[in-house]
Protein backbone atom coordinates (compact mmCIF):
# COMPACT_ATOMS: atom_id res chain seq x y z
CA UNK A 1 -9.95 0.46 4.67
CA UNK A 2 -9.77 -3.34 4.55
CA UNK A 3 -8.04 -4.81 1.52
CA UNK A 4 -6.34 -7.96 0.30
CA UNK A 5 -2.60 -7.61 -0.29
CA UNK A 6 -1.91 -8.91 -3.80
CA UNK A 7 1.53 -7.50 -4.63
CA UNK A 8 4.62 -5.84 -3.15
CA UNK A 9 7.41 -4.00 -5.02
CA UNK A 10 10.42 -2.34 -3.40
CA UNK A 11 11.26 1.09 -4.86
CA UNK A 12 14.71 2.72 -4.86
CA UNK A 13 15.54 5.26 -7.56
CA UNK A 14 16.76 8.82 -8.15
CA UNK A 15 14.21 11.24 -9.62
CA UNK A 16 14.87 14.08 -12.09
CA UNK A 17 15.65 16.46 -9.21
CA UNK A 18 18.42 14.17 -7.94
CA UNK A 19 16.39 13.04 -4.90
CA UNK A 20 16.59 9.38 -3.88
CA UNK A 21 13.15 7.85 -3.54
CA UNK A 22 12.94 4.78 -1.30
CA UNK A 23 9.86 2.90 -0.22
CA UNK A 24 7.45 0.18 -1.23
CA UNK A 25 4.59 0.00 -3.70
CA UNK A 26 1.79 -2.25 -2.49
CA UNK A 27 -0.99 -3.53 -4.70
CA UNK A 28 -4.31 -4.26 -3.04
CA UNK A 29 -7.83 -5.42 -3.96
CA UNK A 30 -10.95 -4.29 -2.12
CA UNK A 31 -14.72 -4.07 -2.40
CA UNK A 32 -16.14 -0.77 -3.60
CA UNK A 33 -19.62 0.42 -4.31
CA UNK A 34 -20.50 0.48 -8.04
CA UNK A 35 -17.71 -1.99 -8.89
CA UNK A 36 -18.65 -5.50 -9.93
CA UNK A 37 -16.01 -7.74 -8.35
CA UNK A 38 -13.06 -6.04 -6.66
CA UNK A 39 -11.32 -2.75 -7.31
CA UNK A 40 -7.51 -2.73 -7.33
CA UNK A 41 -5.17 0.07 -6.39
CA UNK A 42 -1.46 0.75 -5.95
CA UNK A 43 -0.25 2.67 -2.89
CA UNK A 44 3.23 3.98 -2.12
CA UNK A 45 4.63 3.46 1.37
CA UNK A 46 7.38 5.97 2.04
CA UNK A 47 10.51 4.91 3.86
CA UNK A 48 9.52 4.47 7.51
CA UNK A 49 6.03 3.10 6.82
CA UNK A 50 6.10 -0.66 6.36
CA UNK A 51 3.90 -3.70 6.14
CA UNK A 52 3.54 -5.76 9.31
CA UNK A 53 6.41 -8.28 9.46
CA UNK A 54 4.02 -11.25 9.32
CA UNK A 55 1.96 -9.92 6.37
CA UNK A 56 2.12 -12.04 3.24
CA UNK A 57 0.38 -12.07 -0.14
CA UNK A 58 -3.40 -12.62 0.02
CA UNK A 59 -3.57 -11.53 3.68
CA UNK A 60 -6.24 -9.01 4.66
CA UNK A 61 -4.76 -5.73 5.84
CA UNK A 62 -6.25 -2.54 7.28
CA UNK A 63 -4.97 0.70 5.75
CA UNK A 64 -5.27 3.95 7.72
CA UNK A 65 -4.83 7.26 5.88
CA UNK A 66 -3.97 10.76 7.08
CA UNK A 67 -5.94 13.87 6.10
CA UNK A 68 -3.83 14.19 2.92
CA UNK A 69 -4.76 10.67 1.76
CA UNK A 70 -1.31 9.18 2.51
CA UNK A 71 -1.02 5.86 4.34
CA UNK A 72 -0.01 6.33 7.97
CA UNK A 73 -0.45 2.87 9.49
CA UNK A 74 -1.02 -0.67 8.22
CA UNK A 75 -2.35 -3.52 10.34
CA UNK A 76 -2.77 -7.19 9.50
CA UNK A 77 -6.39 -8.22 10.10
């Protein structure tokens, strides 16, 4: 899926089960059928999955998902 990167937020907290959650929330905008304008969405990148080093806000990125709908790979377009 091609999308425009519009926000990045680092995440590092301990949940109610005492597990440390580390990763990155990314906020993207993309075209979608039946949406006038652009649809926006937040995705969580678990520790180990990262944005390309040269990606910056407003860049177009390609998101690839696994069969469970989790992001596996991100490319800068």
